[in-house]
Amino acid sequence: RVCWYDLDLSDRPYKSMKYHEKAVRQVGFHSRYPLFASASDDGKLLLFHGKVFEDLLTNPMIVPVKVISAHKPVEGLGVLDCTFHPTQPWIFSSGADKSIKLFC
């Protein structure tokens, strides 16, 4: 489960996203684009578009973009880490299957 918090409103999650079947290992945010990703032991990498508006009356926009079957789970472990390229909308992932992958 990945939770999005708005600490100006409450200490409870604004939105809880239950897209993974197993434990979430990593969440990565892009430094330039409104993208974030979650990596899980189910072998999937989920990409989201997340935008917070400067107008405090408008709720944040969180949209699932893509589900990538990135790695084969090995002994209960799937995608171990994910990170975005600093300038391009590319994501790297590493998995328990001893591989590193780039998704463009």
PDB file of N, CA and C in Angstrom:
ATOM      1  N   ARG A   1       0.842  -1.174   0.000  1.00  0.00           N
ATOM      2  CA  ARG A   1       0.000   0.000   0.000  1.00  0.00           C
ATOM      3  C   ARG A   1       0.889   1.241   0.000  1.00  0.00           C
ATOM      4  N   VAL A   2       0.541   2.196  -0.841  1.00  0.00           N
ATOM      5  CA  VAL A   2       1.241   3.471  -0.927  1.00  0.00           C
ATOM      6  C   VAL A   2       0.266   4.538  -0.457  1.00  0.00           C
ATOM      7  N   CYS A   3       0.701   5.373   0.475  1.00  0.00           N
ATOM      8  CA  CYS A   3      -0.172   6.415   1.038  1.00  0.00           C
ATOM      9  C   CYS A   3       0.348   7.795   0.660  1.00  0.00           C
ATOM     10  N   TRP A   4      -0.575   8.682   0.313  1.00  0.00           N
ATOM     11  CA  TRP A   4      -0.267  10.079  -0.006  1.00  0.00           C
ATOM     12  C   TRP A   4      -0.803  10.922   1.148  1.00  0.00           C
ATOM     13  N   TYR A   5       0.061  11.736   1.731  1.00  0.00           N
ATOM     14  CA  TYR A   5      -0.315  12.565   2.874  1.00  0.00           C
ATOM     15  C   TYR A   5      -0.359  14.035   2.490  1.00  0.00           C
ATOM     16  N   ASP A   6      -1.325  14.754   3.035  1.00  0.00           N
ATOM     17  CA  ASP A   6      -1.359  16.208   3.000  1.00  0.00           C
ATOM     18  C   ASP A   6      -1.315  16.658   4.450  1.00  0.00           C
ATOM     19  N   LEU A   7      -0.123  16.972   4.914  1.00  0.00           N
ATOM     20  CA  LEU A   7       0.062  17.274   6.329  1.00  0.00           C
ATOM     21  C   LEU A   7      -0.545  18.608   6.738  1.00  0.00           C
ATOM     22  N   ASP A   8      -0.921  19.446   5.764  1.00  0.00           N
ATOM     23  CA  ASP A   8      -1.619  20.682   6.103  1.00  0.00           C
ATOM     24  C   ASP A   8      -3.064  20.414   6.516  1.00  0.00           C
ATOM     25  N   LEU A   9      -3.622  19.296   6.024  1.00  0.00           N
ATOM     26  CA  LEU A   9      -5.014  18.976   6.337  1.00  0.00           C
ATOM     27  C   LEU A   9      -5.157  18.052   7.537  1.00  0.00           C
ATOM     28  N   SER A  10      -4.330  16.993   7.575  1.00  0.00           N
ATOM     29  CA  SER A  10      -4.522  15.975   8.595  1.00  0.00           C
ATOM     30  C   SER A  10      -3.266  15.122   8.716  1.00  0.00           C
ATOM     31  N   ASP A  11      -3.173  14.372   9.802  1.00  0.00           N
ATOM     32  CA  ASP A  11      -2.069  13.426   9.950  1.00  0.00           C
ATOM     33  C   ASP A  11      -2.464  12.045   9.413  1.00  0.00           C
ATOM     34  N   ARG A  12      -3.662  11.937   8.865  1.00  0.00           N
ATOM     35  CA  ARG A  12      -4.126  10.698   8.227  1.00  0.00           C
ATOM     36  C   ARG A  12      -3.860  10.776   6.732  1.00  0.00           C
ATOM     37  N   PRO A  13      -3.731   9.628   6.067  1.00  0.00           N
ATOM     38  CA  PRO A  13      -3.467   9.656   4.620  1.00  0.00           C
ATOM     39  C   PRO A  13      -4.602  10.314   3.846  1.00  0.00           C
ATOM     40  N   TYR A  14      -4.229  11.157   2.870  1.00  0.00           N
ATOM     41  CA  TYR A  14      -5.214  11.752   1.975  1.00  0.00           C
ATOM     42  C   TYR A  14      -5.754  10.683   1.036  1.00  0.00           C
ATOM     43  N   LYS A  15      -4.852   9.841   0.537  1.00  0.00           N
ATOM     44  CA  LYS A  15      -5.245   8.773  -0.377  1.00  0.00           C
ATOM     45  C   LYS A  15      -4.369   7.559  -0.118  1.00  0.00           C
ATOM     46  N   SER A  16      -4.988   6.399  -0.064  1.00  0.00           N
ATOM     47  CA  SER A  16      -4.278   5.141   0.114  1.00  0.00           C
ATOM     48  C   SER A  16      -4.495   4.301  -1.137  1.00  0.00           C
ATOM     49  N   MET A  17      -3.395   3.935  -1.790  1.00  0.00           N
ATOM     50  CA  MET A  17      -3.475   3.216  -3.064  1.00  0.00           C
ATOM     51  C   MET A  17      -3.046   1.767  -2.852  1.00  0.00           C
ATOM     52  N   LYS A  18      -3.948   0.854  -3.135  1.00  0.00           N
ATOM     53  CA  LYS A  18      -3.704  -0.575  -2.923  1.00  0.00           C
ATOM     54  C   LYS A  18      -3.601  -1.279  -4.269  1.00  0.00           C
ATOM     55  N   TYR A  19      -2.544  -1.005  -5.007  1.00  0.00           N
ATOM     56  CA  TYR A  19      -2.370  -1.586  -6.331  1.00  0.00           C
ATOM     57  C   TYR A  19      -1.445  -2.802  -6.319  1.00  0.00           C
ATOM     58  N   HIS A  20      -0.638  -2.952  -5.296  1.00  0.00           N
ATOM     59  CA  HIS A  20       0.312  -4.060  -5.230  1.00  0.00           C
ATOM     60  C   HIS A  20      -0.274  -5.229  -4.436  1.00  0.00           C
ATOM     61  N   GLU A  21       0.118  -6.434  -4.839  1.00  0.00           N
ATOM     62  CA  GLU A  21      -0.342  -7.637  -4.148  1.00  0.00           C
ATOM     63  C   GLU A  21       0.558  -8.004  -2.975  1.00  0.00           C
ATOM     64  N   LYS A  22       1.801  -7.520  -3.000  1.00  0.00           N
ATOM     65  CA  LYS A  22       2.757  -7.823  -1.925  1.00  0.00           C
ATOM     66  C   LYS A  22       3.370  -6.526  -1.413  1.00  0.00           C
ATOM     67  N   ALA A  23       4.396  -6.658  -0.582  1.00  0.00           N
ATOM     68  CA  ALA A  23       4.999  -5.504   0.092  1.00  0.00           C
ATOM     69  C   ALA A  23       5.633  -4.521  -0.890  1.00  0.00           C
ATOM     70  N   VAL A  24       5.494  -3.233  -0.592  1.00  0.00           N
ATOM     71  CA  VAL A  24       6.144  -2.177  -1.366  1.00  0.00           C
ATOM     72  C   VAL A  24       7.550  -1.993  -0.818  1.00  0.00           C
ATOM     73  N   ARG A  25       8.553  -2.048  -1.693  1.00  0.00           N
ATOM     74  CA  ARG A  25       9.956  -1.936  -1.291  1.00  0.00           C
ATOM     75  C   ARG A  25      10.507  -0.530  -1.433  1.00  0.00           C
ATOM     76  N   GLN A  26      10.022   0.218  -2.432  1.00  0.00           N
ATOM     77  CA  GLN A  26      10.617   1.532  -2.703  1.00  0.00           C
ATOM     78  C   GLN A  26       9.590   2.416  -3.387  1.00  0.00           C
ATOM     79  N   VAL A  27       9.665   3.710  -3.107  1.00  0.00           N
ATOM     80  CA  VAL A  27       8.895   4.721  -3.834  1.00  0.00           C
ATOM     81  C   VAL A  27       9.891   5.764  -4.304  1.00  0.00           C
ATOM     82  N   GLY A  28       9.836   6.093  -5.597  1.00  0.00           N
ATOM     83  CA  GLY A  28      10.764   7.076  -6.162  1.00  0.00           C
ATOM     84  C   GLY A  28      10.005   8.221  -6.796  1.00  0.00           C
ATOM     85  N   PHE A  29      10.578   9.416  -6.699  1.00  0.00           N
ATOM     86  CA  PHE A  29       9.964  10.627  -7.252  1.00  0.00           C
ATOM     87  C   PHE A  29      10.902  11.243  -8.279  1.00  0.00           C
ATOM     88  N   HIS A  30      10.333  11.739  -9.371  1.00  0.00           N
ATOM     89  CA  HIS A  30      11.148  12.412 -10.379  1.00  0.00           C
ATOM     90  C   HIS A  30      11.393  13.843  -9.932  1.00  0.00           C
ATOM     91  N   SER A  31      12.613  14.335 -10.170  1.00  0.00           N
ATOM     92  CA  SER A  31      12.959  15.689  -9.708  1.00  0.00           C
ATOM     93  C   SER A  31      12.411  16.785 -10.616  1.00  0.00           C
ATOM     94  N   ARG A  32      12.076  16.457 -11.865  1.00  0.00           N
ATOM     95  CA  ARG A  32      11.631  17.467 -12.811  1.00  0.00           C
ATOM     96  C   ARG A  32      10.172  17.323 -13.260  1.00  0.00           C
ATOM     97  N   TYR A  33       9.712  16.102 -13.383  1.00  0.00           N
ATOM     98  CA  TYR A  33       8.361  15.830 -13.877  1.00  0.00           C
ATOM     99  C   TYR A  33       7.447  15.402 -12.722  1.00  0.00           C
ATOM    100  N   PRO A  34       6.140  15.581 -12.878  1.00  0.00           N
ATOM    101  CA  PRO A  34       5.214  15.174 -11.798  1.00  0.00           C
ATOM    102  C   PRO A  34       4.947  13.662 -11.823  1.00  0.00           C
ATOM    103  N   LEU A  35       6.005  12.885 -11.701  1.00  0.00           N
ATOM    104  CA  LEU A  35       5.916  11.429 -11.744  1.00  0.00           C
ATOM    105  C   LEU A  35       6.450  10.823 -10.458  1.00  0.00           C
ATOM    106  N   PHE A  36       5.826   9.717 -10.048  1.00  0.00           N
ATOM    107  CA  PHE A  36       6.411   8.904  -8.989  1.00  0.00           C
ATOM    108  C   PHE A  36       6.092   7.449  -9.273  1.00  0.00           C
ATOM    109  N   ALA A  37       6.871   6.563  -8.682  1.00  0.00           N
ATOM    110  CA  ALA A  37       6.735   5.136  -8.950  1.00  0.00           C
ATOM    111  C   ALA A  37       6.849   4.363  -7.650  1.00  0.00           C
ATOM    112  N   SER A  38       6.214   3.196  -7.629  1.00  0.00           N
ATOM    113  CA  SER A  38       6.346   2.295  -6.476  1.00  0.00           C
ATOM    114  C   SER A  38       6.808   0.929  -6.980  1.00  0.00           C
ATOM    115  N   ALA A  39       7.731   0.328  -6.235  1.00  0.00           N
ATOM    116  CA  ALA A  39       8.303  -0.977  -6.569  1.00  0.00           C
ATOM    117  C   ALA A  39       7.898  -1.972  -5.497  1.00  0.00           C
ATOM    118  N   SER A  40       7.546  -3.191  -5.926  1.00  0.00           N
ATOM    119  CA  SER A  40       6.975  -4.148  -4.985  1.00  0.00           C
ATOM    120  C   SER A  40       7.546  -5.546  -5.172  1.00  0.00           C
ATOM    121  N   ASP A  41       7.323  -6.367  -4.143  1.00  0.00           N
ATOM    122  CA  ASP A  41       7.735  -7.765  -4.186  1.00  0.00           C
ATOM    123  C   ASP A  41       6.902  -8.601  -5.144  1.00  0.00           C
ATOM    124  N   ASP A  42       5.815  -8.062  -5.672  1.00  0.00           N
ATOM    125  CA  ASP A  42       5.041  -8.807  -6.666  1.00  0.00           C
ATOM    126  C   ASP A  42       5.680  -8.739  -8.050  1.00  0.00           C
ATOM    127  N   GLY A  43       6.838  -8.042  -8.164  1.00  0.00           N
ATOM    128  CA  GLY A  43       7.569  -7.949  -9.416  1.00  0.00           C
ATOM    129  C   GLY A  43       7.120  -6.804 -10.300  1.00  0.00           C
ATOM    130  N   LYS A  44       6.205  -5.978  -9.800  1.00  0.00           N
ATOM    131  CA  LYS A  44       5.651  -4.892 -10.609  1.00  0.00           C
ATOM    132  C   LYS A  44       6.186  -3.535 -10.183  1.00  0.00           C
ATOM    133  N   LEU A  45       6.262  -2.679 -11.169  1.00  0.00           N
ATOM    134  CA  LEU A  45       6.643  -1.289 -10.984  1.00  0.00           C
ATOM    135  C   LEU A  45       5.450  -0.472 -11.456  1.00  0.00           C
ATOM    136  N   LEU A  46       4.884   0.358 -10.592  1.00  0.00           N
ATOM    137  CA  LEU A  46       3.719   1.167 -10.943  1.00  0.00           C
ATOM    138  C   LEU A  46       4.123   2.619 -11.070  1.00  0.00           C
ATOM    139  N   LEU A  47       3.721   3.237 -12.180  1.00  0.00           N
ATOM    140  CA  LEU A  47       4.025   4.641 -12.425  1.00  0.00           C
ATOM    141  C   LEU A  47       2.767   5.475 -12.232  1.00  0.00           C
ATOM    142  N   PHE A  48       2.924   6.616 -11.583  1.00  0.00           N
ATOM    143  CA  PHE A  48       1.814   7.518 -11.288  1.00  0.00           C
ATOM    144  C   PHE A  48       2.168   8.936 -11.720  1.00  0.00           C
ATOM    145  N   HIS A  49       1.135   9.694 -12.087  1.00  0.00           N
ATOM    146  CA  HIS A  49       1.254  11.130 -12.282  1.00  0.00           C
ATOM    147  C   HIS A  49       0.653  11.756 -11.034  1.00  0.00           C
ATOM    148  N   GLY A  50       1.445  12.541 -10.321  1.00  0.00           N
ATOM    149  CA  GLY A  50       0.965  13.172  -9.095  1.00  0.00           C
ATOM    150  C   GLY A  50       1.248  14.657  -9.122  1.00  0.00           C
ATOM    151  N   LYS A  51       0.213  15.455  -8.945  1.00  0.00           N
ATOM    152  CA  LYS A  51       0.378  16.899  -9.011  1.00  0.00           C
ATOM    153  C   LYS A  51      -0.329  17.559  -7.842  1.00  0.00           C
ATOM    154  N   VAL A  52       0.374  18.470  -7.204  1.00  0.00           N
ATOM    155  CA  VAL A  52      -0.191  19.273  -6.119  1.00  0.00           C
ATOM    156  C   VAL A  52      -0.343  20.693  -6.645  1.00  0.00           C
ATOM    157  N   PHE A  53      -1.526  21.260  -6.472  1.00  0.00           N
ATOM    158  CA  PHE A  53      -1.815  22.591  -6.982  1.00  0.00           C
ATOM    159  C   PHE A  53      -1.487  23.637  -5.923  1.00  0.00           C
ATOM    160  N   GLU A  54      -1.119  24.823  -6.401  1.00  0.00           N
ATOM    161  CA  GLU A  54      -0.810  25.910  -5.469  1.00  0.00           C
ATOM    162  C   GLU A  54      -2.069  26.442  -4.795  1.00  0.00           C
ATOM    163  N   ASP A  55      -3.198  26.282  -5.462  1.00  0.00           N
ATOM    164  CA  ASP A  55      -4.481  26.657  -4.886  1.00  0.00           C
ATOM    165  C   ASP A  55      -4.826  25.624  -3.809  1.00  0.00           C
ATOM    166  N   LEU A  56      -4.878  26.021  -2.573  1.00  0.00           N
ATOM    167  CA  LEU A  56      -5.089  25.079  -1.477  1.00  0.00           C
ATOM    168  C   LEU A  56      -6.494  24.483  -1.458  1.00  0.00           C
ATOM    169  N   LEU A  57      -7.413  25.052  -2.227  1.00  0.00           N
ATOM    170  CA  LEU A  57      -8.770  24.516  -2.271  1.00  0.00           C
ATOM    171  C   LEU A  57      -8.907  23.357  -3.258  1.00  0.00           C
ATOM    172  N   THR A  58      -7.925  23.206  -4.150  1.00  0.00           N
ATOM    173  CA  THR A  58      -7.961  22.138  -5.146  1.00  0.00           C
ATOM    174  C   THR A  58      -7.217  20.918  -4.601  1.00  0.00           C
ATOM    175  N   ASN A  59      -7.868  19.772  -4.680  1.00  0.00           N
ATOM    176  CA  ASN A  59      -7.249  18.537  -4.187  1.00  0.00           C
ATOM    177  C   ASN A  59      -6.116  18.093  -5.098  1.00  0.00           C
ATOM    178  N   PRO A  60      -5.124  17.401  -4.545  1.00  0.00           N
ATOM    179  CA  PRO A  60      -4.051  16.861  -5.381  1.00  0.00           C
ATOM    180  C   PRO A  60      -4.603  15.882  -6.419  1.00  0.00           C
ATOM    181  N   MET A  61      -3.927  15.801  -7.556  1.00  0.00           N
ATOM    182  CA  MET A  61      -4.336  14.891  -8.618  1.00  0.00           C
ATOM    183  C   MET A  61      -3.342  13.731  -8.675  1.00  0.00           C
ATOM    184  N   ILE A  62      -3.842  12.516  -8.487  1.00  0.00           N
ATOM    185  CA  ILE A  62      -3.017  11.314  -8.518  1.00  0.00           C
ATOM    186  C   ILE A  62      -3.651  10.358  -9.524  1.00  0.00           C
ATOM    187  N   VAL A  63      -2.914  10.068 -10.602  1.00  0.00           N
ATOM    188  CA  VAL A  63      -3.450   9.240 -11.680  1.00  0.00           C
ATOM    189  C   VAL A  63      -2.482   8.083 -11.952  1.00  0.00           C
ATOM    190  N   PRO A  64      -2.945   6.830 -11.878  1.00  0.00           N
ATOM    191  CA  PRO A  64      -2.082   5.714 -12.285  1.00  0.00           C
ATOM    192  C   PRO A  64      -1.821   5.794 -13.792  1.00  0.00           C
ATOM    193  N   VAL A  65      -0.566   5.653 -14.185  1.00  0.00           N
ATOM    194  CA  VAL A  65      -0.194   5.788 -15.592  1.00  0.00           C
ATOM    195  C   VAL A  65       0.079   4.434 -16.228  1.00  0.00           C
ATOM    196  N   LYS A  66       0.893   3.602 -15.568  1.00  0.00           N
ATOM    197  CA  LYS A  66       1.310   2.345 -16.188  1.00  0.00           C
ATOM    198  C   LYS A  66       1.708   1.332 -15.139  1.00  0.00           C
ATOM    199  N   VAL A  67       1.421   0.070 -15.431  1.00  0.00           N
ATOM    200  CA  VAL A  67       1.881  -1.057 -14.615  1.00  0.00           C
ATOM    201  C   VAL A  67       2.909  -1.810 -15.451  1.00  0.00           C
ATOM    202  N   ILE A  68       4.117  -1.934 -14.929  1.00  0.00           N
ATOM    203  CA  ILE A  68       5.195  -2.625 -15.635  1.00  0.00           C
ATOM    204  C   ILE A  68       5.542  -3.895 -14.872  1.00  0.00           C
ATOM    205  N   SER A  69       5.472  -5.031 -15.541  1.00  0.00           N
ATOM    206  CA  SER A  69       5.955  -6.281 -14.941  1.00  0.00           C
ATOM    207  C   SER A  69       7.471  -6.287 -15.128  1.00  0.00           C
ATOM    208  N   ALA A  70       8.164  -5.752 -14.156  1.00  0.00           N
ATOM    209  CA  ALA A  70       9.580  -5.448 -14.306  1.00  0.00           C
ATOM    210  C   ALA A  70      10.499  -6.639 -14.049  1.00  0.00           C
ATOM    211  N   HIS A  71      10.234  -7.414 -13.005  1.00  0.00           N
ATOM    212  CA  HIS A  71      11.140  -8.491 -12.611  1.00  0.00           C
ATOM    213  C   HIS A  71      10.352  -9.716 -12.166  1.00  0.00           C
ATOM    214  N   LYS A  72      10.985 -10.880 -12.275  1.00  0.00           N
ATOM    215  CA  LYS A  72      10.393 -12.117 -11.771  1.00  0.00           C
ATOM    216  C   LYS A  72      10.723 -12.243 -10.290  1.00  0.00           C
ATOM    217  N   PRO A  73       9.732 -12.482  -9.454  1.00  0.00           N
ATOM    218  CA  PRO A  73      10.012 -12.657  -8.024  1.00  0.00           C
ATOM    219  C   PRO A  73      10.881 -13.902  -7.779  1.00  0.00           C
ATOM    220  N   VAL A  74      11.835 -13.744  -6.862  1.00  0.00           N
ATOM    221  CA  VAL A  74      12.731 -14.827  -6.463  1.00  0.00           C
ATOM    222  C   VAL A  74      12.681 -14.940  -4.948  1.00  0.00           C
ATOM    223  N   GLU A  75      12.241 -16.074  -4.450  1.00  0.00           N
ATOM    224  CA  GLU A  75      12.143 -16.330  -3.011  1.00  0.00           C
ATOM    225  C   GLU A  75      11.357 -15.237  -2.288  1.00  0.00           C
ATOM    226  N   GLY A  76      10.272 -14.800  -2.894  1.00  0.00           N
ATOM    227  CA  GLY A  76       9.390 -13.814  -2.272  1.00  0.00           C
ATOM    228  C   GLY A  76       9.792 -12.372  -2.460  1.00  0.00           C
ATOM    229  N   LEU A  77      10.903 -12.122  -3.151  1.00  0.00           N
ATOM    230  CA  LEU A  77      11.358 -10.750  -3.393  1.00  0.00           C
ATOM    231  C   LEU A  77      11.223 -10.436  -4.870  1.00  0.00           C
ATOM    232  N   GLY A  78      10.770  -9.230  -5.189  1.00  0.00           N
ATOM    233  CA  GLY A  78      10.568  -8.826  -6.580  1.00  0.00           C
ATOM    234  C   GLY A  78      11.448  -7.656  -6.952  1.00  0.00           C
ATOM    235  N   VAL A  79      10.831  -6.489  -7.144  1.00  0.00           N
ATOM    236  CA  VAL A  79      11.573  -5.264  -7.459  1.00  0.00           C
ATOM    237  C   VAL A  79      12.090  -4.697  -6.144  1.00  0.00           C
ATOM    238  N   LEU A  80      13.400  -4.519  -6.061  1.00  0.00           N
ATOM    239  CA  LEU A  80      14.013  -4.066  -4.806  1.00  0.00           C
ATOM    240  C   LEU A  80      14.211  -2.558  -4.741  1.00  0.00           C
ATOM    241  N   ASP A  81      14.422  -1.920  -5.892  1.00  0.00           N
ATOM    242  CA  ASP A  81      14.691  -0.483  -5.892  1.00  0.00           C
ATOM    243  C   ASP A  81      14.268   0.109  -7.228  1.00  0.00           C
ATOM    244  N   CYS A  82      13.960   1.391  -7.209  1.00  0.00           N
ATOM    245  CA  CYS A  82      13.666   2.116  -8.445  1.00  0.00           C
ATOM    246  C   CYS A  82      14.124   3.554  -8.275  1.00  0.00           C
ATOM    247  N   THR A  83      14.588   4.129  -9.376  1.00  0.00           N
ATOM    248  CA  THR A  83      15.007   5.528  -9.368  1.00  0.00           C
ATOM    249  C   THR A  83      14.819   6.107 -10.763  1.00  0.00           C
ATOM    250  N   PHE A  84      14.468   7.388 -10.809  1.00  0.00           N
ATOM    251  CA  PHE A  84      14.258   8.063 -12.076  1.00  0.00           C
ATOM    252  C   PHE A  84      15.553   8.679 -12.583  1.00  0.00           C
ATOM    253  N   HIS A  85      15.661   8.788 -13.903  1.00  0.00           N
ATOM    254  CA  HIS A  85      16.758   9.514 -14.533  1.00  0.00           C
ATOM    255  C   HIS A  85      16.597  10.985 -14.150  1.00  0.00           C
ATOM    256  N   PRO A  86      17.697  11.721 -13.925  1.00  0.00           N
ATOM    257  CA  PRO A  86      17.556  13.102 -13.450  1.00  0.00           C
ATOM    258  C   PRO A  86      16.921  14.078 -14.438  1.00  0.00           C
ATOM    259  N   THR A  87      17.044  13.844 -15.749  1.00  0.00           N
ATOM    260  CA  THR A  87      16.501  14.815 -16.699  1.00  0.00           C
ATOM    261  C   THR A  87      15.457  14.239 -17.650  1.00  0.00           C
ATOM    262  N   GLN A  88      15.416  12.936 -17.826  1.00  0.00           N
ATOM    263  CA  GLN A  88      14.475  12.303 -18.744  1.00  0.00           C
ATOM    264  C   GLN A  88      13.388  11.560 -17.956  1.00  0.00           C
ATOM    265  N   PRO A  89      12.232  11.315 -18.571  1.00  0.00           N
ATOM    266  CA  PRO A  89      11.182  10.555 -17.873  1.00  0.00           C
ATOM    267  C   PRO A  89      11.417   9.044 -17.969  1.00  0.00           C
ATOM    268  N   TRP A  90      12.622   8.608 -17.651  1.00  0.00           N
ATOM    269  CA  TRP A  90      13.020   7.201 -17.681  1.00  0.00           C
ATOM    270  C   TRP A  90      13.143   6.704 -16.250  1.00  0.00           C
ATOM    271  N   ILE A  91      12.915   5.411 -16.055  1.00  0.00           N
ATOM    272  CA  ILE A  91      13.044   4.835 -14.719  1.00  0.00           C
ATOM    273  C   ILE A  91      13.918   3.584 -14.785  1.00  0.00           C
ATOM    274  N   PHE A  92      14.779   3.445 -13.793  1.00  0.00           N
ATOM    275  CA  PHE A  92      15.635   2.278 -13.629  1.00  0.00           C
ATOM    276  C   PHE A  92      15.067   1.444 -12.484  1.00  0.00           C
ATOM    277  N   SER A  93      15.167   0.129 -12.616  1.00  0.00           N
ATOM    278  CA  SER A  93      14.738  -0.747 -11.526  1.00  0.00           C
ATOM    279  C   SER A  93      15.758  -1.863 -11.343  1.00  0.00           C
ATOM    280  N   SER A  94      15.867  -2.326 -10.122  1.00  0.00           N
ATOM    281  CA  SER A  94      16.713  -3.488  -9.833  1.00  0.00           C
ATOM    282  C   SER A  94      15.855  -4.512  -9.116  1.00  0.00           C
ATOM    283  N   GLY A  95      16.131  -5.779  -9.406  1.00  0.00           N
ATOM    284  CA  GLY A  95      15.280  -6.826  -8.864  1.00  0.00           C
ATOM    285  C   GLY A  95      16.050  -7.961  -8.235  1.00  0.00           C
ATOM    286  N   ALA A  96      15.317  -8.819  -7.546  1.00  0.00           N
ATOM    287  CA  ALA A  96      15.906  -9.983  -6.907  1.00  0.00           C
ATOM    288  C   ALA A  96      16.348 -11.016  -7.935  1.00  0.00           C
ATOM    289  N   ASP A  97      15.925 -10.842  -9.189  1.00  0.00           N
ATOM    290  CA  ASP A  97      16.360 -11.755 -10.252  1.00  0.00           C
ATOM    291  C   ASP A  97      17.738 -11.373 -10.798  1.00  0.00           C
ATOM    292  N   LYS A  98      18.463 -10.507 -10.058  1.00  0.00           N
ATOM    293  CA  LYS A  98      19.832 -10.095 -10.360  1.00  0.00           C
ATOM    294  C   LYS A  98      19.938  -9.321 -11.677  1.00  0.00           C
ATOM    295  N   SER A  99      18.962  -8.468 -11.933  1.00  0.00           N
ATOM    296  CA  SER A  99      19.001  -7.665 -13.153  1.00  0.00           C
ATOM    297  C   SER A  99      18.641  -6.220 -12.840  1.00  0.00           C
ATOM    298  N   ILE A 100      19.175  -5.331 -13.665  1.00  0.00           N
ATOM    299  CA  ILE A 100      18.848  -3.907 -13.613  1.00  0.00           C
ATOM    300  C   ILE A 100      18.239  -3.564 -14.957  1.00  0.00           C
ATOM    301  N   LYS A 101      17.097  -2.882 -14.942  1.00  0.00           N
ATOM    302  CA  LYS A 101      16.399  -2.582 -16.188  1.00  0.00           C
ATOM    303  C   LYS A 101      16.108  -1.105 -16.297  1.00  0.00           C
ATOM    304  N   LEU A 102      16.109  -0.622 -17.548  1.00  0.00           N
ATOM    305  CA  LEU A 102      15.757   0.751 -17.872  1.00  0.00           C
ATOM    306  C   LEU A 102      14.476   0.729 -18.675  1.00  0.00           C
ATOM    307  N   PHE A 103      13.495   1.549 -18.253  1.00  0.00           N
ATOM    308  CA  PHE A 103      12.235   1.676 -18.975  1.00  0.00           C
ATOM    309  C   PHE A 103      12.099   3.112 -19.444  1.00  0.00           C
ATOM    310  N   CYS A 104      11.938   3.273 -20.783  1.00  0.00           N
ATOM    311  CA  CYS A 104      11.844   4.610 -21.395  1.00  0.00           C
ATOM    312  C   CYS A 104      10.414   4.911 -21.778  1.00  0.00           C
TER     313      CYS A 104
END
